[in-house]
Amino acid sequence: MRLPKRLLLAAGIGALAARRTFQAPYLLEGRSVLITGGSRGLGLALARELVRQGAALTLMARHQDALDRAAAELRTSGARVHTVAGDVTVQADVDRAVEEAVKVHGGLDVLISNAGIIQAGPLANMTEKDFRDIMEINTYATLRLTRAALPQLRARRGRVLIVASVGSKFAVPHLGPYSVSKFAVAGLGQALRTELDREGVTVTTVHPGLMQTGSARQVTVKGQYEKEYTLFATLDNTPVLSMDASSAARRILRALMRGDADATIGGPATFMRYAQALAPQLTADLLALTNRVLPVPTTRDGAMRGAEVETAVTRQNPLKQRAERQLNELDG
């Protein structure tokens, strides 16, 4: 008796679902974890949660002073923390970070590609160089890191966590280069997930919405600097619209431990993701309308860092101030 093709398909899907349901979680205790962008913001929030779960950490970031502050705090709880000052766009620095993680902690189990930059401003004020610069850090660095770490991850059946964004599901007005880079890294995550599975390496891509990480100070703004920064920093630190960084870190690591292929983090991000999937035309129209009320482009060249254009509104936001203090975003 020949079974119907639909029944065979349903049985196959059921078997895959059962395998996922009954698969033991990937515990992080004793694991060696390398985090890029680990000195502050979401990277530091992830590091704190990893410490609570008993992982040994290697933090990579560009500035040694910020790394020293983060490591000193984490070590007060007895954590094993090593730091590497380096640039994720430089292959030699990436290779050195992996080598030091292996040397200090005896191997590498988990790679967390978290380092990234954000540029805020009208598309008319963005240059081709802006797109290339952000792609190097937000997208190609993930590929560079994964390839460097792959021999270790393959040997230890390790995991890769890619921090993308809800901006990888729909292009956010005035975050054009950022959205493009996150669309690209989400595609990279899918490709890596598909092809590394047979080698025993599990890849998880997460898509957080707005988070209170204090990182608005590091944003590059173009166009009407003060207006662009005030808008970004305010939305990034508004209750309901944005989520607490520690809560986001816990949800992100749960997705890693479950071995999710793809996970959206936060209620507003989930709503927008499904809105885009179910009603793409309506979502596009609403985003286009939103763009009409945003600051118009200017003829000014150049860019400024968010910390350089603080306004009375941004300085008085209590959620922003708290996140900056707690997540090592203040210089010195």
C-alpha atoms as a PDB file:
ATOM      1  CA  MET A   1       0.000   0.000   0.000  1.00  0.00           C
ATOM      2  CA  ARG A   2       1.452   3.358  -1.024  1.00  0.00           C
ATOM      3  CA  LEU A   3       1.156   6.164   1.490  1.00  0.00           C
ATOM      4  CA  PRO A   4      -0.112   9.549   0.232  1.00  0.00           C
ATOM      5  CA  LYS A   5       2.626  12.122  -0.310  1.00  0.00           C
ATOM      6  CA  ARG A   6       0.868  14.590   1.991  1.00  0.00           C
ATOM      7  CA  LEU A   7       0.893  12.033   4.804  1.00  0.00           C
ATOM      8  CA  LEU A   8       4.604  11.429   4.329  1.00  0.00           C
ATOM      9  CA  LEU A   9       5.245  15.189   4.345  1.00  0.00           C
ATOM     10  CA  ALA A  10       3.204  15.624   7.520  1.00  0.00           C
ATOM     11  CA  ALA A  11       5.063  12.759   9.179  1.00  0.00           C
ATOM     12  CA  GLY A  12       8.400  14.306   8.225  1.00  0.00           C
ATOM     13  CA  ILE A  13       7.425  17.695   9.602  1.00  0.00           C
ATOM     14  CA  GLY A  14       6.155  16.042  12.774  1.00  0.00           C
ATOM     15  CA  ALA A  15       9.433  14.176  13.230  1.00  0.00           C
ATOM     16  CA  LEU A  16      11.421  17.399  12.894  1.00  0.00           C
ATOM     17  CA  ALA A  17       9.147  19.171  15.382  1.00  0.00           C
ATOM     18  CA  ALA A  18       9.464  16.300  17.864  1.00  0.00           C
ATOM     19  CA  ARG A  19      13.238  16.334  17.535  1.00  0.00           C
ATOM     20  CA  ARG A  20      13.267  20.026  18.382  1.00  0.00           C
ATOM     21  CA  THR A  21      10.785  19.640  21.257  1.00  0.00           C
ATOM     22  CA  PHE A  22      12.664  16.860  23.036  1.00  0.00           C
ATOM     23  CA  GLN A  23      16.165  18.112  22.340  1.00  0.00           C
ATOM     24  CA  ALA A  24      18.086  18.916  25.515  1.00  0.00           C
ATOM     25  CA  PRO A  25      18.908  22.612  25.984  1.00  0.00           C
ATOM     26  CA  TYR A  26      22.459  23.735  25.353  1.00  0.00           C
ATOM     27  CA  LEU A  27      23.671  24.640  28.838  1.00  0.00           C
ATOM     28  CA  LEU A  28      26.188  27.470  29.079  1.00  0.00           C
ATOM     29  CA  GLU A  29      27.898  26.528  32.331  1.00  0.00           C
ATOM     30  CA  GLY A  30      31.599  25.984  31.732  1.00  0.00           C
ATOM     31  CA  ARG A  31      31.396  27.068  28.082  1.00  0.00           C
ATOM     32  CA  SER A  32      34.009  29.348  26.549  1.00  0.00           C
ATOM     33  CA  VAL A  33      32.220  32.296  24.923  1.00  0.00           C
ATOM     34  CA  LEU A  34      33.658  35.054  22.728  1.00  0.00           C
ATOM     35  CA  ILE A  35      31.525  38.220  22.544  1.00  0.00           C
ATOM     36  CA  THR A  36      32.308  41.070  20.166  1.00  0.00           C
ATOM     37  CA  GLY A  37      31.193  44.514  21.274  1.00  0.00           C
ATOM     38  CA  GLY A  38      31.336  43.031  24.756  1.00  0.00           C
ATOM     39  CA  SER A  39      32.535  46.053  26.719  1.00  0.00           C
ATOM     40  CA  ARG A  40      29.232  47.921  26.912  1.00  0.00           C
ATOM     41  CA  GLY A  41      25.582  48.099  25.886  1.00  0.00           C
ATOM     42  CA  LEU A  42      23.879  44.854  24.890  1.00  0.00           C
ATOM     43  CA  GLY A  43      27.228  43.070  24.772  1.00  0.00           C
ATOM     44  CA  LEU A  44      27.820  43.806  28.453  1.00  0.00           C
ATOM     45  CA  ALA A  45      24.243  42.804  29.325  1.00  0.00           C
ATOM     46  CA  LEU A  46      24.821  39.480  27.547  1.00  0.00           C
ATOM     47  CA  ALA A  47      28.138  39.062  29.381  1.00  0.00           C
ATOM     48  CA  ARG A  48      26.454  39.555  32.752  1.00  0.00           C
ATOM     49  CA  GLU A  49      23.842  36.933  31.987  1.00  0.00           C
ATOM     50  CA  LEU A  50      26.507  34.513  30.737  1.00  0.00           C
ATOM     51  CA  VAL A  51      28.438  35.010  33.971  1.00  0.00           C
ATOM     52  CA  ARG A  52      25.298  34.148  35.939  1.00  0.00           C
ATOM     53  CA  GLN A  53      25.105  30.934  33.950  1.00  0.00           C
ATOM     54  CA  GLY A  54      28.723  30.006  34.641  1.00  0.00           C
ATOM     55  CA  ALA A  55      30.365  30.709  31.278  1.00  0.00           C
ATOM     56  CA  ALA A  56      33.999  31.758  30.777  1.00  0.00           C
ATOM     57  CA  LEU A  57      34.201  34.925  28.706  1.00  0.00           C
ATOM     58  CA  THR A  58      36.430  36.585  26.162  1.00  0.00           C
ATOM     59  CA  LEU A  59      35.309  40.152  25.500  1.00  0.00           C
ATOM     60  CA  MET A  60      36.416  41.869  22.300  1.00  0.00           C
ATOM     61  CA  ALA A  61      35.981  45.603  21.670  1.00  0.00           C
ATOM     62  CA  ARG A  62      37.979  48.470  20.229  1.00  0.00           C
ATOM     63  CA  HIS A  63      38.851  50.355  23.421  1.00  0.00           C
ATOM     64  CA  GLN A  64      40.909  48.781  26.191  1.00  0.00           C
ATOM     65  CA  ASP A  65      39.712  51.234  28.847  1.00  0.00           C
ATOM     66  CA  ALA A  66      36.065  50.261  28.310  1.00  0.00           C
ATOM     67  CA  LEU A  67      37.049  46.584  28.315  1.00  0.00           C
ATOM     68  CA  ASP A  68      38.936  47.022  31.588  1.00  0.00           C
ATOM     69  CA  ARG A  69      35.888  48.598  33.276  1.00  0.00           C
ATOM     70  CA  ALA A  70      33.572  45.832  32.066  1.00  0.00           C
ATOM     71  CA  ALA A  71      35.983  43.038  33.035  1.00  0.00           C
ATOM     72  CA  ALA A  72      36.585  44.502  36.502  1.00  0.00           C
ATOM     73  CA  GLU A  73      32.857  44.532  37.190  1.00  0.00           C
ATOM     74  CA  LEU A  74      32.299  40.984  35.921  1.00  0.00           C
ATOM     75  CA  ARG A  75      35.243  39.593  37.889  1.00  0.00           C
ATOM     76  CA  THR A  76      33.756  40.812  41.193  1.00  0.00           C
ATOM     77  CA  SER A  77      31.364  37.857  40.944  1.00  0.00           C
ATOM     78  CA  GLY A  78      34.240  35.433  40.354  1.00  0.00           C
ATOM     79  CA  ALA A  79      33.837  35.276  36.586  1.00  0.00           C
ATOM     80  CA  ARG A  80      36.663  34.142  34.318  1.00  0.00           C
ATOM     81  CA  VAL A  81      37.035  37.059  31.911  1.00  0.00           C
ATOM     82  CA  HIS A  82      39.692  37.752  29.299  1.00  0.00           C
ATOM     83  CA  THR A  83      39.738  40.886  27.120  1.00  0.00           C
ATOM     84  CA  VAL A  84      41.011  41.544  23.622  1.00  0.00           C
ATOM     85  CA  ALA A  85      41.245  45.064  22.217  1.00  0.00           C
ATOM     86  CA  GLY A  86      40.725  44.864  18.489  1.00  0.00           C
ATOM     87  CA  ASP A  87      38.711  45.834  15.432  1.00  0.00           C
ATOM     88  CA  VAL A  88      36.293  43.296  13.934  1.00  0.00           C
ATOM     89  CA  THR A  89      37.004  44.669  10.453  1.00  0.00           C
ATOM     90  CA  VAL A  90      40.683  43.640  10.753  1.00  0.00           C
ATOM     91  CA  GLN A  91      41.312  39.951  10.073  1.00  0.00           C
ATOM     92  CA  ALA A  92      44.448  39.839  12.225  1.00  0.00           C
ATOM     93  CA  ASP A  93      42.500  41.185  15.227  1.00  0.00           C
ATOM     94  CA  VAL A  94      39.713  38.652  14.692  1.00  0.00           C
ATOM     95  CA  ASP A  95      42.200  35.782  14.461  1.00  0.00           C
ATOM     96  CA  ARG A  96      43.957  36.994  17.598  1.00  0.00           C
ATOM     97  CA  ALA A  97      40.672  37.143  19.550  1.00  0.00           C
ATOM     98  CA  VAL A  98      39.856  33.535  18.658  1.00  0.00           C
ATOM     99  CA  GLU A  99      43.407  32.380  19.437  1.00  0.00           C
ATOM    100  CA  GLU A 100      43.420  34.089  22.831  1.00  0.00           C
ATOM    101  CA  ALA A 101      39.992  32.679  23.758  1.00  0.00           C
ATOM    102  CA  VAL A 102      41.311  29.196  23.000  1.00  0.00           C
ATOM    103  CA  LYS A 103      44.584  29.763  24.838  1.00  0.00           C
ATOM    104  CA  VAL A 104      43.047  31.263  27.986  1.00  0.00           C
ATOM    105  CA  HIS A 105      39.915  29.106  28.294  1.00  0.00           C
ATOM    106  CA  GLY A 106      41.055  25.907  26.602  1.00  0.00           C
ATOM    107  CA  GLY A 107      38.819  26.177  23.564  1.00  0.00           C
ATOM    108  CA  LEU A 108      35.858  28.046  22.119  1.00  0.00           C
ATOM    109  CA  ASP A 109      32.258  26.844  22.351  1.00  0.00           C
ATOM    110  CA  VAL A 110      30.156  29.882  21.495  1.00  0.00           C
ATOM    111  CA  LEU A 111      30.714  32.887  19.254  1.00  0.00           C
ATOM    112  CA  ILE A 112      28.437  35.891  19.774  1.00  0.00           C
ATOM    113  CA  SER A 113      28.664  38.401  16.928  1.00  0.00           C
ATOM    114  CA  ASN A 114      27.251  41.494  18.578  1.00  0.00           C
ATOM    115  CA  ALA A 115      29.520  44.403  17.545  1.00  0.00           C
ATOM    116  CA  GLY A 116      27.774  46.930  15.343  1.00  0.00           C
ATOM    117  CA  ILE A 117      27.231  50.580  14.512  1.00  0.00           C
ATOM    118  CA  ILE A 118      24.163  52.683  13.717  1.00  0.00           C
ATOM    119  CA  GLN A 119      23.868  55.704  11.432  1.00  0.00           C
ATOM    120  CA  ALA A 120      20.724  57.819  11.751  1.00  0.00           C
ATOM    121  CA  GLY A 121      19.597  60.366   9.194  1.00  0.00           C
ATOM    122  CA  PRO A 122      17.802  60.848   5.872  1.00  0.00           C
ATOM    123  CA  LEU A 123      18.833  58.673   2.950  1.00  0.00           C
ATOM    124  CA  ALA A 124      19.687  61.846   1.006  1.00  0.00           C
ATOM    125  CA  ASN A 125      22.435  62.606   3.542  1.00  0.00           C
ATOM    126  CA  MET A 126      23.914  59.097   3.420  1.00  0.00           C
ATOM    127  CA  THR A 127      26.827  58.351   1.122  1.00  0.00           C
ATOM    128  CA  GLU A 128      27.922  55.138  -0.549  1.00  0.00           C
ATOM    129  CA  LYS A 129      30.798  55.069   1.931  1.00  0.00           C
ATOM    130  CA  ASP A 130      28.281  55.033   4.802  1.00  0.00           C
ATOM    131  CA  PHE A 131      26.745  51.888   3.343  1.00  0.00           C
ATOM    132  CA  ARG A 132      30.131  50.243   2.832  1.00  0.00           C
ATOM    133  CA  ASP A 133      31.379  51.139   6.308  1.00  0.00           C
ATOM    134  CA  ILE A 134      28.348  49.727   8.093  1.00  0.00           C
ATOM    135  CA  MET A 135      28.336  46.580   5.965  1.00  0.00           C
ATOM    136  CA  GLU A 136      31.944  45.920   6.978  1.00  0.00           C
ATOM    137  CA  ILE A 137      31.127  46.027  10.678  1.00  0.00           C
ATOM    138  CA  ASN A 138      27.539  44.774  10.875  1.00  0.00           C
ATOM    139  CA  THR A 139      27.712  42.086   8.194  1.00  0.00           C
ATOM    140  CA  TYR A 140      31.158  41.078   6.931  1.00  0.00           C
ATOM    141  CA  ALA A 141      32.603  41.002  10.455  1.00  0.00           C
ATOM    142  CA  THR A 142      30.157  38.202  11.301  1.00  0.00           C
ATOM    143  CA  LEU A 143      31.358  36.177   8.321  1.00  0.00           C
ATOM    144  CA  ARG A 144      34.985  36.912   9.203  1.00  0.00           C
ATOM    145  CA  LEU A 145      34.495  35.874  12.828  1.00  0.00           C
ATOM    146  CA  THR A 146      32.581  32.705  12.026  1.00  0.00           C
ATOM    147  CA  ARG A 147      35.216  31.516   9.568  1.00  0.00           C
ATOM    148  CA  ALA A 148      37.992  32.224  12.050  1.00  0.00           C
ATOM    149  CA  ALA A 149      36.201  30.366  14.857  1.00  0.00           C
ATOM    150  CA  LEU A 150      34.837  27.499  12.753  1.00  0.00           C
ATOM    151  CA  PRO A 151      37.618  24.943  13.415  1.00  0.00           C
ATOM    152  CA  GLN A 152      37.068  25.296  17.172  1.00  0.00           C
ATOM    153  CA  LEU A 153      33.274  25.363  16.902  1.00  0.00           C
ATOM    154  CA  ARG A 154      33.263  22.325  14.629  1.00  0.00           C
ATOM    155  CA  ALA A 155      35.480  20.346  17.015  1.00  0.00           C
ATOM    156  CA  ARG A 156      33.302  21.179  20.046  1.00  0.00           C
ATOM    157  CA  ARG A 157      29.889  21.151  18.288  1.00  0.00           C
ATOM    158  CA  GLY A 158      29.594  24.794  19.232  1.00  0.00           C
ATOM    159  CA  ARG A 159      27.152  27.560  18.493  1.00  0.00           C
ATOM    160  CA  VAL A 160      27.054  30.949  16.782  1.00  0.00           C
ATOM    161  CA  LEU A 161      24.733  33.747  17.905  1.00  0.00           C
ATOM    162  CA  ILE A 162      24.219  36.581  15.429  1.00  0.00           C
ATOM    163  CA  VAL A 163      22.636  39.767  16.770  1.00  0.00           C
ATOM    164  CA  ALA A 164      20.668  41.233  13.872  1.00  0.00           C
ATOM    165  CA  SER A 165      17.685  43.555  14.407  1.00  0.00           C
ATOM    166  CA  VAL A 166      13.991  43.927  13.710  1.00  0.00           C
ATOM    167  CA  GLY A 167      15.405  46.316  11.090  1.00  0.00           C
ATOM    168  CA  SER A 168      16.319  43.173   9.164  1.00  0.00           C
ATOM    169  CA  LYS A 169      12.616  42.505   8.609  1.00  0.00           C
ATOM    170  CA  PHE A 170      11.569  45.940   7.353  1.00  0.00           C
ATOM    171  CA  ALA A 171      13.575  49.032   6.436  1.00  0.00           C
ATOM    172  CA  VAL A 172      13.227  51.675   9.133  1.00  0.00           C
ATOM    173  CA  PRO A 173      13.018  55.291   7.855  1.00  0.00           C
ATOM    174  CA  HIS A 174      16.213  57.272   8.514  1.00  0.00           C
ATOM    175  CA  LEU A 175      18.096  54.041   9.271  1.00  0.00           C
ATOM    176  CA  GLY A 176      18.723  53.093   5.642  1.00  0.00           C
ATOM    177  CA  PRO A 177      22.331  51.798   5.775  1.00  0.00           C
ATOM    178  CA  TYR A 178      21.645  50.092   9.108  1.00  0.00           C
ATOM    179  CA  SER A 179      18.601  48.267   7.735  1.00  0.00           C
ATOM    180  CA  VAL A 180      20.494  47.163   4.635  1.00  0.00           C
ATOM    181  CA  SER A 181      23.325  45.758   6.772  1.00  0.00           C
ATOM    182  CA  LYS A 182      20.897  43.910   9.032  1.00  0.00           C
ATOM    183  CA  PHE A 183      18.951  42.451   6.099  1.00  0.00           C
ATOM    184  CA  ALA A 184      22.298  41.167   4.826  1.00  0.00           C
ATOM    185  CA  VAL A 185      23.442  39.681   8.144  1.00  0.00           C
ATOM    186  CA  ALA A 186      20.062  37.964   8.566  1.00  0.00           C
ATOM    187  CA  GLY A 187      20.565  36.332   5.173  1.00  0.00           C
ATOM    188  CA  LEU A 188      24.078  35.364   6.182  1.00  0.00           C
ATOM    189  CA  GLY A 189      22.690  33.805   9.352  1.00  0.00           C
ATOM    190  CA  GLN A 190      20.269  31.672   7.327  1.00  0.00           C
ATOM    191  CA  ALA A 191      23.056  30.554   4.982  1.00  0.00           C
ATOM    192  CA  LEU A 192      25.354  29.660   7.870  1.00  0.00           C
ATOM    193  CA  ARG A 193      22.552  27.848   9.704  1.00  0.00           C
ATOM    194  CA  THR A 194      21.785  25.701   6.675  1.00  0.00           C
ATOM    195  CA  GLU A 195      25.334  24.798   5.756  1.00  0.00           C
ATOM    196  CA  LEU A 196      26.999  24.448   9.163  1.00  0.00           C
ATOM    197  CA  ASP A 197      24.336  22.178  10.632  1.00  0.00           C
ATOM    198  CA  ARG A 198      25.905  19.111   9.012  1.00  0.00           C
ATOM    199  CA  GLU A 199      29.182  20.045  10.735  1.00  0.00           C
ATOM    200  CA  GLY A 200      27.536  20.093  14.154  1.00  0.00           C
ATOM    201  CA  VAL A 201      27.533  23.891  14.486  1.00  0.00           C
ATOM    202  CA  THR A 202      24.198  25.532  15.345  1.00  0.00           C
ATOM    203  CA  VAL A 203      23.590  29.118  14.219  1.00  0.00           C
ATOM    204  CA  THR A 204      20.940  31.342  15.819  1.00  0.00           C
ATOM    205  CA  THR A 205      20.007  34.787  14.488  1.00  0.00           C
ATOM    206  CA  VAL A 206      18.089  37.112  16.804  1.00  0.00           C
ATOM    207  CA  HIS A 207      16.140  40.225  15.850  1.00  0.00           C
ATOM    208  CA  PRO A 208      15.694  42.545  18.843  1.00  0.00           C
ATOM    209  CA  GLY A 209      13.551  45.639  18.747  1.00  0.00           C
ATOM    210  CA  LEU A 210      14.405  48.861  20.579  1.00  0.00           C
ATOM    211  CA  MET A 211      16.414  48.276  23.738  1.00  0.00           C
ATOM    212  CA  GLN A 212      17.512  50.488  26.614  1.00  0.00           C
ATOM    213  CA  THR A 213      21.249  49.875  26.213  1.00  0.00           C
ATOM    214  CA  GLY A 214      22.496  53.458  26.538  1.00  0.00           C
ATOM    215  CA  SER A 215      24.138  53.076  23.138  1.00  0.00           C
ATOM    216  CA  ALA A 216      22.373  56.051  21.562  1.00  0.00           C
ATOM    217  CA  ARG A 217      25.419  58.105  22.545  1.00  0.00           C
ATOM    218  CA  GLN A 218      27.484  56.081  20.067  1.00  0.00           C
ATOM    219  CA  VAL A 219      25.116  56.610  17.115  1.00  0.00           C
ATOM    220  CA  THR A 220      26.380  58.601  14.131  1.00  0.00           C
ATOM    221  CA  VAL A 221      23.836  61.228  13.098  1.00  0.00           C
ATOM    222  CA  LYS A 222      23.591  63.062   9.786  1.00  0.00           C
ATOM    223  CA  GLY A 223      21.281  65.772   8.476  1.00  0.00           C
ATOM    224  CA  GLN A 224      19.670  67.807  11.257  1.00  0.00           C
ATOM    225  CA  TYR A 225      21.938  66.448  13.971  1.00  0.00           C
ATOM    226  CA  GLU A 226      20.060  67.504  17.100  1.00  0.00           C
ATOM    227  CA  LYS A 227      16.618  66.524  15.803  1.00  0.00           C
ATOM    228  CA  GLU A 228      17.777  63.158  14.500  1.00  0.00           C
ATOM    229  CA  TYR A 229      19.541  62.308  17.737  1.00  0.00           C
ATOM    230  CA  THR A 230      16.705  63.500  19.961  1.00  0.00           C
ATOM    231  CA  LEU A 231      14.224  61.372  18.041  1.00  0.00           C
ATOM    232  CA  PHE A 232      16.422  58.268  18.073  1.00  0.00           C
ATOM    233  CA  ALA A 233      17.460  58.546  21.724  1.00  0.00           C
ATOM    234  CA  THR A 234      13.890  59.213  22.872  1.00  0.00           C
ATOM    235  CA  LEU A 235      12.320  56.271  21.022  1.00  0.00           C
ATOM    236  CA  ASP A 236      15.174  54.049  22.188  1.00  0.00           C
ATOM    237  CA  ASN A 237      14.291  54.841  25.810  1.00  0.00           C
ATOM    238  CA  THR A 238      10.495  54.934  25.811  1.00  0.00           C
ATOM    239  CA  PRO A 239       8.574  52.472  28.001  1.00  0.00           C
ATOM    240  CA  VAL A 240       6.613  49.791  26.097  1.00  0.00           C
ATOM    241  CA  LEU A 241       8.330  50.684  22.812  1.00  0.00           C
ATOM    242  CA  SER A 242      11.755  49.662  24.139  1.00  0.00           C
ATOM    243  CA  MET A 243      12.773  46.867  26.457  1.00  0.00           C
ATOM    244  CA  ASP A 244      15.209  46.616  29.326  1.00  0.00           C
ATOM    245  CA  ALA A 245      18.611  45.372  28.162  1.00  0.00           C
ATOM    246  CA  SER A 246      18.910  42.670  30.825  1.00  0.00           C
ATOM    247  CA  SER A 247      15.519  41.237  29.872  1.00  0.00           C
ATOM    248  CA  ALA A 248      16.524  41.294  26.205  1.00  0.00           C
ATOM    249  CA  ALA A 249      19.793  39.519  27.044  1.00  0.00           C
ATOM    250  CA  ARG A 250      17.970  36.721  28.866  1.00  0.00           C
ATOM    251  CA  ARG A 251      15.581  36.183  25.955  1.00  0.00           C
ATOM    252  CA  ILE A 252      18.416  36.238  23.438  1.00  0.00           C
ATOM    253  CA  LEU A 253      20.403  33.621  25.343  1.00  0.00           C
ATOM    254  CA  ARG A 254      17.318  31.424  25.738  1.00  0.00           C
ATOM    255  CA  ALA A 255      17.014  31.429  21.943  1.00  0.00           C
ATOM    256  CA  LEU A 256      20.679  30.401  21.719  1.00  0.00           C
ATOM    257  CA  MET A 257      20.236  27.604  24.252  1.00  0.00           C
ATOM    258  CA  ARG A 258      17.127  26.281  22.474  1.00  0.00           C
ATOM    259  CA  GLY A 259      18.982  26.353  19.192  1.00  0.00           C
ATOM    260  CA  ASP A 260      16.399  28.555  17.455  1.00  0.00           C
ATOM    261  CA  ALA A 261      17.184  29.327  13.849  1.00  0.00           C
ATOM    262  CA  ASP A 262      15.535  32.729  14.087  1.00  0.00           C
ATOM    263  CA  ALA A 263      14.026  34.620  17.021  1.00  0.00           C
ATOM    264  CA  THR A 264      12.385  38.024  17.298  1.00  0.00           C
ATOM    265  CA  ILE A 265      12.948  39.687  20.672  1.00  0.00           C
ATOM    266  CA  GLY A 266      10.312  42.006  22.168  1.00  0.00           C
ATOM    267  CA  GLY A 267       6.581  42.567  21.705  1.00  0.00           C
ATOM    268  CA  PRO A 268       6.707  45.633  19.409  1.00  0.00           C
ATOM    269  CA  ALA A 269       9.337  43.930  17.235  1.00  0.00           C
ATOM    270  CA  THR A 270       7.175  40.805  16.954  1.00  0.00           C
ATOM    271  CA  PHE A 271       4.132  42.894  16.030  1.00  0.00           C
ATOM    272  CA  MET A 272       6.014  44.748  13.290  1.00  0.00           C
ATOM    273  CA  ARG A 273       7.519  41.523  11.949  1.00  0.00           C
ATOM    274  CA  TYR A 274       4.102  39.919  11.511  1.00  0.00           C
ATOM    275  CA  ALA A 275       2.604  43.129  10.145  1.00  0.00           C
ATOM    276  CA  GLN A 276       5.302  43.175   7.480  1.00  0.00           C
ATOM    277  CA  ALA A 277       4.757  39.495   6.663  1.00  0.00           C
ATOM    278  CA  LEU A 278       0.950  39.638   6.554  1.00  0.00           C
ATOM    279  CA  ALA A 279       0.394  43.115   5.093  1.00  0.00           C
ATOM    280  CA  PRO A 280       3.576  44.255   3.318  1.00  0.00           C
ATOM    281  CA  GLN A 281       1.853  46.930   1.232  1.00  0.00           C
ATOM    282  CA  LEU A 282       0.070  48.465   4.218  1.00  0.00           C
ATOM    283  CA  THR A 283       3.286  48.379   6.267  1.00  0.00           C
ATOM    284  CA  ALA A 284       5.213  50.063   3.457  1.00  0.00           C
ATOM    285  CA  ASP A 285       2.574  52.780   3.179  1.00  0.00           C
ATOM    286  CA  LEU A 286       2.618  53.424   6.935  1.00  0.00           C
ATOM    287  CA  LEU A 287       6.403  53.635   6.984  1.00  0.00           C
ATOM    288  CA  ALA A 288       6.307  56.054   4.045  1.00  0.00           C
ATOM    289  CA  LEU A 289       3.826  58.225   5.950  1.00  0.00           C
ATOM    290  CA  THR A 290       6.060  58.077   9.015  1.00  0.00           C
ATOM    291  CA  ASN A 291       8.984  59.304   6.941  1.00  0.00           C
ATOM    292  CA  ARG A 292       7.010  62.413   5.968  1.00  0.00           C
ATOM    293  CA  VAL A 293       7.029  63.694   9.557  1.00  0.00           C
ATOM    294  CA  LEU A 294      10.729  63.015  10.169  1.00  0.00           C
ATOM    295  CA  PRO A 295      13.369  65.760   9.878  1.00  0.00           C
ATOM    296  CA  VAL A 296      14.042  66.726   6.263  1.00  0.00           C
ATOM    297  CA  PRO A 297      17.512  66.345   4.696  1.00  0.00           C
ATOM    298  CA  THR A 298      20.019  69.194   4.809  1.00  0.00           C
ATOM    299  CA  THR A 299      22.879  70.329   2.613  1.00  0.00           C
ATOM    300  CA  ARG A 300      25.341  69.895   5.482  1.00  0.00           C
ATOM    301  CA  ASP A 301      28.143  67.418   4.929  1.00  0.00           C
ATOM    302  CA  GLY A 302      29.691  65.352   7.642  1.00  0.00           C
ATOM    303  CA  ALA A 303      28.343  63.558  10.686  1.00  0.00           C
ATOM    304  CA  MET A 304      28.380  63.845  14.455  1.00  0.00           C
ATOM    305  CA  ARG A 305      28.350  61.371  17.315  1.00  0.00           C
ATOM    306  CA  GLY A 306      25.234  61.300  19.452  1.00  0.00           C
ATOM    307  CA  ALA A 307      27.151  62.258  22.598  1.00  0.00           C
ATOM    308  CA  GLU A 308      28.202  65.482  20.860  1.00  0.00           C
ATOM    309  CA  VAL A 309      24.658  66.681  20.210  1.00  0.00           C
ATOM    310  CA  GLU A 310      22.875  65.942  23.463  1.00  0.00           C
ATOM    311  CA  THR A 311      19.833  68.152  23.996  1.00  0.00           C
ATOM    312  CA  ALA A 312      17.797  69.138  27.050  1.00  0.00           C
ATOM    313  CA  VAL A 313      15.288  66.413  26.149  1.00  0.00           C
ATOM    314  CA  THR A 314      17.852  63.627  25.854  1.00  0.00           C
ATOM    315  CA  ARG A 315      19.789  64.666  28.962  1.00  0.00           C
ATOM    316  CA  GLN A 316      16.659  64.475  31.121  1.00  0.00           C
ATOM    317  CA  ASN A 317      15.440  61.035  30.025  1.00  0.00           C
ATOM    318  CA  PRO A 318      15.755  58.878  33.179  1.00  0.00           C
ATOM    319  CA  LEU A 319      15.747  55.529  31.330  1.00  0.00           C
ATOM    320  CA  LYS A 320      18.524  56.745  29.049  1.00  0.00           C
ATOM    321  CA  GLN A 321      20.597  58.051  31.967  1.00  0.00           C
ATOM    322  CA  ARG A 322      20.218  54.807  33.898  1.00  0.00           C
ATOM    323  CA  ALA A 323      21.153  52.628  30.918  1.00  0.00           C
ATOM    324  CA  GLU A 324      24.235  54.737  30.192  1.00  0.00           C
ATOM    325  CA  ARG A 325      25.457  54.359  33.772  1.00  0.00           C
ATOM    326  CA  GLN A 326      24.664  50.680  34.119  1.00  0.00           C
ATOM    327  CA  LEU A 327      25.988  49.555  30.744  1.00  0.00           C
ATOM    328  CA  ASN A 328      29.343  51.349  30.613  1.00  0.00           C
ATOM    329  CA  GLU A 329      28.313  53.835  27.912  1.00  0.00           C
ATOM    330  CA  LEU A 330      29.767  56.909  29.627  1.00  0.00           C
ATOM    331  CA  ASP A 331      33.387  57.658  28.750  1.00  0.00           C
ATOM    332  CA  GLY A 332      35.694  57.283  31.720  1.00  0.00           C
END
